Amino acid sequence: MSPALKRNYKIHSLASDLGLKPSGDPIRDILRYCEKRVRRFLRDFPECSTLSQVLDVTASKLGTKFEEVHSDEQLAEVRARYLRQNEKAFVNLQDELSSHVFGMTFKRLNRKDWELPYVSVIDARGEKKHRSYYTKWHELGHLLILTDQMRLAFRRTHFGLDHKDPEEQLVDIIAGEFGFLQDLVRPLAKGAVSFEKIEAIRLQLCPEASQQSSLIGIVKAWPTPCLLVQAQLALRRGERRELAQGTLGFQLPPEEVLRATQVTSNDAARRENFAIFPNMRVPERSLISRVHRGDELEGKTVEDLSWWESSDGSHLSSSKVIVQARRGWDAVQALITPR
């Protein structure tokens, strides 16, 4: 979690608007506030046993209806239907749902008494369908922290942007936290973690969630230390900065190497200081590198963390680990656990 986000004035202001006491970690406090609200919602539905059901209950309690669209024709139908109901905010719906916008929430101004006050349009066209579950939780995240009814003309869920509004970043965190509620995941997260167990949990609790978001969410909920590493060809941070600023002069452009571009660690790993740092170079002799080269499609083996080297030449402390790796769509995915 970015320290800069914790210090951001907008986040502190939001925490104050929610009635939370000033603290050094407003994000933690806001997450606890959201958790209390969701738990209160679920008390009315003790039979709720899947993440999909938690999603539906939370949406109903927050007063929004999901309109999930899978085609241009379906999007046009949703737009026309709400315009007939005199909901003028829908007039530019097709233009608003650009390539980077995956969802939007509207406050209804001309609803009947029995209708919900909000509508959340979820763009599941094409490749966007793989993020629809996460997009729904992102839209609910905005409603969970809504402090003034007039604030929400509409909210957009963005993906793939380099710079996000602080509140958008916060809602990303909320979506990741509640999309895979630990109370439901942990009873199934038993024994040694594996790709197969994570997939079985996904299919049981939330089959509509993408495999990638499920990997991240379920790893975070696993009770024993685990790292999820995504490895891709990339430059060092300094090389990226120099390339962007054009300060390389007549030097040859730097060469990308296989790096841990994303690292997800769970609470148990953080408690034990079990870590691999983002952008570290993947060891040539690691199974991760062999899978990336195509020498193996997937596998499981024992390695040593001391193989991992930082850009300053220092190595991680020696520790035997179990590495499971497989080829993903555009990266190698690896689960790393203490032996």
Protein backbone atom coordinates (compact mmCIF):
# COMPACT_ATOMS: atom_id res chain seq x y z
CA MET A 1 0.00 0.00 0.00
CA SER A 2 1.52 3.31 -1.08
CA PRO A 3 2.71 5.49 1.86
CA ALA A 4 1.92 8.54 -0.30
CA LEU A 5 -1.73 7.46 -0.52
CA LYS A 6 -1.93 7.23 3.29
CA ARG A 7 -0.69 10.83 3.51
CA ASN A 8 -2.93 12.15 0.75
CA TYR A 9 -5.12 15.08 1.84
CA LYS A 10 -8.12 13.78 -0.11
CA ILE A 11 -7.99 10.42 1.70
CA HIS A 12 -7.71 12.10 5.11
CA SER A 13 -10.61 14.39 4.18
CA LEU A 14 -12.72 11.41 3.13
CA ALA A 15 -12.00 9.65 6.44
CA SER A 16 -13.12 12.77 8.28
CA ASP A 17 -16.31 12.96 6.19
CA LEU A 18 -17.05 9.35 7.20
CA GLY A 19 -16.83 10.38 10.86
CA LEU A 20 -13.52 8.61 11.51
CA LYS A 21 -10.99 9.96 13.98
CA PRO A 22 -7.73 11.39 12.57
CA SER A 23 -4.93 8.81 12.40
CA GLY A 24 -1.71 8.03 10.61
CA ASP A 25 -3.38 5.32 8.53
CA PRO A 26 -6.74 6.53 7.18
CA ILE A 27 -6.84 3.69 4.62
CA ARG A 28 -6.83 1.08 7.41
CA ASP A 29 -9.58 3.00 9.18
CA ILE A 30 -11.69 3.31 6.03
CA LEU A 31 -11.33 -0.43 5.34
CA ARG A 32 -12.51 -1.18 8.88
CA TYR A 33 -15.45 1.17 8.35
CA CYS A 34 -16.37 -0.67 5.14
CA GLU A 35 -15.93 -4.05 6.83
CA LYS A 36 -18.38 -3.09 9.58
CA ARG A 37 -20.93 -2.04 6.98
CA VAL A 38 -20.60 -5.27 4.97
CA ARG A 39 -20.77 -7.44 8.09
CA ARG A 40 -23.89 -5.57 9.15
CA PHE A 41 -25.44 -6.26 5.73
CA LEU A 42 -24.64 -9.97 6.01
CA ARG A 43 -26.22 -10.36 9.45
CA ASP A 44 -29.59 -10.27 7.70
CA PHE A 45 -28.51 -13.15 5.42
CA PRO A 46 -26.91 -15.86 7.60
CA GLU A 47 -27.28 -18.38 4.77
CA CYS A 48 -24.89 -16.36 2.58
CA SER A 49 -22.04 -18.79 1.79
CA THR A 50 -20.41 -17.68 -1.47
CA LEU A 51 -18.62 -14.56 -2.60
CA SER A 52 -21.17 -14.15 -5.40
CA GLN A 53 -23.93 -14.00 -2.78
CA VAL A 54 -21.96 -11.45 -0.74
CA LEU A 55 -21.73 -9.30 -3.86
CA ASP A 56 -25.48 -9.46 -4.49
CA VAL A 57 -26.38 -8.75 -0.85
CA THR A 58 -24.02 -5.77 -0.69
CA ALA A 59 -25.36 -4.34 -3.96
CA SER A 60 -28.94 -4.63 -2.72
CA LYS A 61 -28.14 -3.05 0.67
CA LEU A 62 -26.28 -0.18 -1.01
CA GLY A 63 -29.23 0.40 -3.31
CA THR A 64 -27.79 -0.32 -6.74
CA LYS A 65 -28.84 -2.52 -9.63
CA PHE A 66 -26.22 -4.01 -11.95
CA GLU A 67 -26.77 -3.66 -15.68
CA GLU A 68 -24.10 -5.92 -17.19
CA VAL A 69 -23.71 -5.42 -20.94
CA HIS A 70 -21.95 -7.89 -23.24
CA SER A 71 -22.51 -6.28 -26.64
CA ASP A 72 -22.95 -2.90 -28.33
CA GLU A 73 -26.58 -3.78 -28.96
CA GLN A 74 -27.19 -4.55 -25.30
CA LEU A 75 -25.52 -1.29 -24.29
CA ALA A 76 -27.75 0.64 -26.68
CA GLU A 77 -30.81 -1.10 -25.22
CA VAL A 78 -29.84 -0.16 -21.65
CA ARG A 79 -29.27 3.46 -22.70
CA ALA A 80 -32.61 3.68 -24.51
CA ARG A 81 -34.50 2.04 -21.64
CA TYR A 82 -33.29 4.53 -19.03
CA LEU A 83 -33.74 7.49 -21.35
CA ARG A 84 -37.38 6.44 -21.76
CA GLN A 85 -37.58 6.66 -17.97
CA ASN A 86 -36.26 10.24 -18.24
CA GLU A 87 -32.83 9.44 -16.76
CA LYS A 88 -30.90 12.06 -18.72
CA ALA A 89 -27.50 11.00 -17.31
CA PHE A 90 -27.59 8.01 -19.68
CA VAL A 91 -27.57 10.14 -22.83
CA ASN A 92 -23.79 9.82 -23.40
CA LEU A 93 -23.43 6.31 -21.99
CA GLN A 94 -21.84 4.79 -25.08
CA ASP A 95 -19.24 7.55 -25.32
CA GLU A 96 -18.49 7.49 -21.58
CA LEU A 97 -17.66 3.77 -21.63
CA SER A 98 -14.32 4.21 -23.39
CA SER A 99 -11.56 1.61 -23.60
CA HIS A 100 -10.28 2.58 -20.13
CA VAL A 101 -13.70 2.82 -18.45
CA PHE A 102 -15.14 -0.49 -17.26
CA GLY A 103 -18.08 0.63 -15.16
CA MET A 104 -20.23 3.61 -14.20
CA THR A 105 -22.72 4.23 -11.40
CA PHE A 106 -25.60 6.65 -11.81
CA LYS A 107 -27.93 8.12 -9.22
CA ARG A 108 -31.48 7.84 -10.52
CA LEU A 109 -33.41 11.11 -10.46
CA ASN A 110 -36.77 9.88 -11.74
CA ARG A 111 -37.18 6.47 -10.15
CA LYS A 112 -40.39 4.96 -8.83
CA ASP A 113 -40.70 4.46 -5.07
CA TRP A 114 -40.01 0.73 -5.34
CA GLU A 115 -36.94 1.12 -7.55
CA LEU A 116 -33.35 1.21 -6.26
CA PRO A 117 -31.72 4.66 -6.14
CA TYR A 118 -28.63 3.71 -8.20
CA VAL A 119 -27.76 1.88 -11.39
CA SER A 120 -24.28 0.46 -11.99
CA VAL A 121 -23.55 -0.23 -15.65
CA ILE A 122 -20.84 -2.92 -16.01
CA ASP A 123 -19.09 -3.04 -19.37
CA ALA A 124 -18.41 -6.73 -20.06
CA ARG A 125 -17.87 -6.40 -23.80
CA GLY A 126 -14.93 -8.27 -25.30
CA GLU A 127 -11.92 -8.62 -23.02
CA LYS A 128 -13.61 -6.44 -20.39
CA LYS A 129 -15.76 -9.42 -19.39
CA HIS A 130 -12.78 -10.91 -17.53
CA ARG A 131 -12.87 -7.96 -15.10
CA SER A 132 -16.62 -7.73 -14.62
CA TYR A 133 -16.62 -9.24 -11.10
CA TYR A 134 -13.90 -6.83 -9.95
CA THR A 135 -15.65 -3.92 -11.70
CA LYS A 136 -18.83 -4.64 -9.75
CA TRP A 137 -16.94 -4.53 -6.47
CA HIS A 138 -15.21 -1.32 -7.54
CA GLU A 139 -18.57 0.33 -8.11
CA LEU A 140 -19.77 -0.93 -4.72
CA GLY A 141 -16.60 0.47 -3.18
CA HIS A 142 -17.61 3.96 -4.28
CA LEU A 143 -21.03 3.49 -2.71
CA LEU A 144 -19.56 2.11 0.54
CA ILE A 145 -17.67 5.36 1.09
CA LEU A 146 -20.31 7.70 -0.29
CA THR A 147 -20.76 10.50 2.25
CA ASP A 148 -22.92 13.01 0.36
CA GLN A 149 -25.71 11.98 -1.98
CA MET A 150 -24.86 14.88 -4.28
CA ARG A 151 -21.28 13.69 -4.79
CA LEU A 152 -22.35 10.90 -7.10
CA ALA A 153 -23.45 12.24 -10.48
CA PHE A 154 -21.69 9.13 -11.74
CA ARG A 155 -18.58 7.15 -10.93
CA ARG A 156 -16.31 5.52 -13.44
CA THR A 157 -14.16 2.46 -12.92
CA HIS A 158 -10.87 2.89 -14.78
CA PHE A 159 -8.24 0.30 -15.60
CA GLY A 160 -4.91 0.60 -17.32
CA LEU A 161 -4.24 4.25 -16.46
CA ASP A 162 -0.81 5.23 -15.15
CA HIS A 163 -2.17 7.91 -12.83
CA LYS A 164 -5.37 7.51 -10.85
CA ASP A 165 -7.28 9.84 -8.59
CA PRO A 166 -6.53 8.97 -4.92
CA GLU A 167 -10.13 7.96 -4.31
CA GLU A 168 -9.98 5.62 -7.31
CA GLN A 169 -6.85 4.04 -5.84
CA LEU A 170 -8.60 3.63 -2.50
CA VAL A 171 -11.61 2.01 -4.12
CA ASP A 172 -9.27 -0.42 -5.91
CA ILE A 173 -8.07 -1.48 -2.47
CA ILE A 174 -11.63 -1.83 -1.18
CA ALA A 175 -12.64 -3.95 -4.20
CA GLY A 176 -9.69 -6.27 -3.69
CA GLU A 177 -10.44 -6.60 0.03
CA PHE A 178 -14.13 -7.44 -0.22
CA GLY A 179 -14.21 -9.23 -3.56
CA PHE A 180 -12.48 -12.12 -1.78
CA LEU A 181 -13.77 -11.80 1.78
CA GLN A 182 -11.40 -13.73 4.02
CA ASP A 183 -14.22 -15.10 6.21
CA LEU A 184 -15.42 -17.18 3.25
CA VAL A 185 -12.06 -17.98 1.65
CA ARG A 186 -10.09 -19.10 4.71
CA PRO A 187 -12.24 -22.14 5.63
CA LEU A 188 -11.37 -23.53 2.18
CA ALA A 189 -7.72 -22.40 2.16
CA LYS A 190 -6.23 -25.45 3.84
CA GLY A 191 -2.81 -27.04 3.52
CA ALA A 192 -0.19 -26.04 0.99
CA VAL A 193 -1.29 -23.43 -1.53
CA SER A 194 -1.36 -24.37 -5.22
CA PHE A 195 -2.79 -23.10 -8.48
CA GLU A 196 -5.19 -26.05 -8.49
CA LYS A 197 -6.55 -25.29 -5.00
CA ILE A 198 -6.99 -21.61 -5.82
CA GLU A 199 -8.93 -22.49 -8.97
CA ALA A 200 -11.16 -24.91 -7.04
CA ILE A 201 -11.95 -22.18 -4.49
CA ARG A 202 -12.73 -19.71 -7.30
CA LEU A 203 -15.16 -22.14 -8.93
CA GLN A 204 -16.88 -22.80 -5.60
CA LEU A 205 -17.13 -19.22 -4.32
CA CYS A 206 -17.16 -16.90 -7.33
CA PRO A 207 -16.93 -18.59 -10.76
CA GLU A 208 -17.58 -15.25 -12.50
CA ALA A 209 -14.35 -13.79 -11.09
CA SER A 210 -11.33 -13.84 -13.39
CA GLN A 211 -8.53 -16.30 -12.72
CA GLN A 212 -6.05 -13.45 -12.30
CA SER A 213 -8.09 -11.51 -9.72
CA SER A 214 -8.85 -14.79 -7.92
CA LEU A 215 -5.14 -15.62 -7.71
CA ILE A 216 -4.45 -12.27 -6.07
CA GLY A 217 -7.47 -12.26 -3.77
CA ILE A 218 -7.18 -15.86 -2.58
CA VAL A 219 -3.42 -15.65 -2.04
CA LYS A 220 -4.02 -12.61 0.19
CA ALA A 221 -6.50 -14.65 2.24
CA TRP A 222 -4.30 -17.76 2.55
CA PRO A 223 -3.40 -18.34 6.22
CA THR A 224 0.23 -19.38 5.63
CA PRO A 225 3.04 -17.28 4.03
CA CYS A 226 2.79 -17.03 0.27
CA LEU A 227 4.03 -14.75 -2.50
CA LEU A 228 2.38 -14.46 -5.91
CA VAL A 229 4.92 -13.26 -8.46
CA GLN A 230 4.19 -12.13 -12.00
CA ALA A 231 7.34 -12.16 -14.08
CA GLN A 232 7.74 -10.27 -17.37
CA LEU A 233 10.49 -8.71 -19.45
CA ALA A 234 11.11 -5.24 -18.04
CA LEU A 235 13.72 -2.55 -17.43
CA ARG A 236 15.07 -1.31 -14.12
CA ARG A 237 13.29 1.76 -12.75
CA GLY A 238 16.26 3.98 -13.49
CA GLU A 239 16.47 2.68 -17.05
CA ARG A 240 12.77 3.36 -17.59
CA ARG A 241 13.18 6.89 -16.26
CA GLU A 242 16.23 7.60 -18.44
CA LEU A 243 14.49 6.20 -21.50
CA ALA A 244 11.38 8.31 -20.85
CA GLN A 245 13.46 11.46 -20.33
CA GLY A 246 15.67 10.79 -23.34
CA THR A 247 18.83 11.10 -21.25
CA LEU A 248 20.61 8.04 -22.67
CA GLY A 249 22.40 10.17 -25.27
CA PHE A 250 24.22 8.02 -27.80
CA GLN A 251 24.10 4.93 -25.62
CA LEU A 252 22.34 1.84 -26.87
CA PRO A 253 18.89 1.46 -25.31
CA PRO A 254 18.90 -0.88 -22.29
CA GLU A 255 17.81 -4.46 -22.72
CA GLU A 256 14.77 -5.80 -20.93
CA VAL A 257 15.30 -8.80 -18.66
CA LEU A 258 12.90 -11.05 -16.79
CA ARG A 259 11.80 -9.30 -13.60
CA ALA A 260 9.21 -9.71 -10.85
CA THR A 261 6.98 -6.94 -12.20
CA GLN A 262 4.22 -7.61 -9.66
CA VAL A 263 4.55 -9.20 -6.23
CA THR A 264 1.53 -9.94 -4.02
CA SER A 265 2.28 -10.95 -0.44
CA ASN A 266 -0.25 -12.04 2.16
CA ASP A 267 -0.43 -11.01 5.81
CA ALA A 268 1.33 -14.18 6.98
CA ALA A 269 4.28 -13.48 4.66
CA ARG A 270 4.56 -9.89 5.88
CA ARG A 271 4.51 -10.99 9.51
CA GLU A 272 7.47 -13.29 8.85
CA ASN A 273 9.32 -10.79 6.62
CA PHE A 274 9.07 -13.29 3.79
CA ALA A 275 9.47 -11.14 0.70
CA ILE A 276 10.67 -10.68 -2.85
CA PHE A 277 10.74 -7.05 -3.92
CA PRO A 278 9.03 -5.71 -7.05
CA ASN A 279 11.23 -5.40 -10.13
CA MET A 280 13.92 -7.77 -8.85
CA ARG A 281 15.59 -9.73 -11.60
CA VAL A 282 14.45 -13.35 -11.81
CA PRO A 283 17.42 -15.74 -11.35
CA GLU A 284 18.48 -17.48 -14.56
CA ARG A 285 18.46 -20.87 -12.81
CA SER A 286 14.97 -20.41 -11.35
CA LEU A 287 12.05 -22.47 -12.59
CA ILE A 288 10.39 -19.15 -13.41
CA SER A 289 13.08 -18.39 -15.98
CA ARG A 290 12.90 -21.90 -17.44
CA VAL A 291 9.14 -21.56 -17.89
CA HIS A 292 9.61 -18.14 -19.49
CA ARG A 293 12.18 -19.54 -21.95
CA GLY A 294 9.82 -22.38 -22.83
CA ASP A 295 12.07 -25.11 -21.43
CA GLU A 296 9.12 -26.18 -19.27
CA LEU A 297 5.41 -25.34 -19.42
CA GLU A 298 4.93 -25.51 -15.67
CA GLY A 299 6.48 -27.14 -12.66
CA LYS A 300 7.27 -27.22 -8.97
CA THR A 301 10.69 -27.28 -7.33
CA VAL A 302 12.78 -26.24 -4.34
CA GLU A 303 14.99 -23.14 -4.70
CA ASP A 304 16.82 -20.66 -2.49
CA LEU A 305 15.87 -17.01 -1.97
CA SER A 306 19.58 -16.09 -2.00
CA TRP A 307 19.47 -16.56 -5.78
CA TRP A 308 17.49 -13.31 -6.02
CA GLU A 309 19.62 -10.22 -6.55
CA SER A 310 18.69 -6.54 -6.24
CA SER A 311 19.82 -3.86 -8.68
CA ASP A 312 22.49 -2.77 -6.16
CA GLY A 313 24.04 -6.23 -6.21
CA SER A 314 22.77 -7.38 -2.80
CA HIS A 315 21.11 -10.77 -2.40
CA LEU A 316 18.18 -11.91 -0.31
CA SER A 317 19.00 -13.98 2.78
CA SER A 318 19.39 -17.69 2.19
CA SER A 319 16.15 -19.59 2.72
CA LYS A 320 14.76 -22.69 1.05
CA VAL A 321 11.48 -22.07 -0.77
CA ILE A 322 9.01 -24.03 -2.86
CA VAL A 323 8.41 -22.45 -6.27
CA GLN A 324 5.42 -23.34 -8.46
CA ALA A 325 5.39 -21.68 -11.87
CA ARG A 326 3.24 -21.70 -14.98
CA ARG A 327 2.97 -19.73 -18.17
CA GLY A 328 0.19 -17.14 -18.18
CA TRP A 329 -1.24 -15.16 -21.07
CA ASP A 330 1.49 -12.51 -21.11
CA ALA A 331 3.64 -13.41 -18.11
CA VAL A 332 4.90 -16.23 -15.92
CA GLN A 333 2.94 -16.69 -12.71
CA ALA A 334 4.65 -18.16 -9.68
CA LEU A 335 3.61 -19.13 -6.17
CA ILE A 336 6.52 -19.01 -3.71
CA THR A 337 6.22 -20.40 -0.18
CA PRO A 338 8.68 -21.28 2.60
CA ARG A 339 9.80 -24.88 2.50
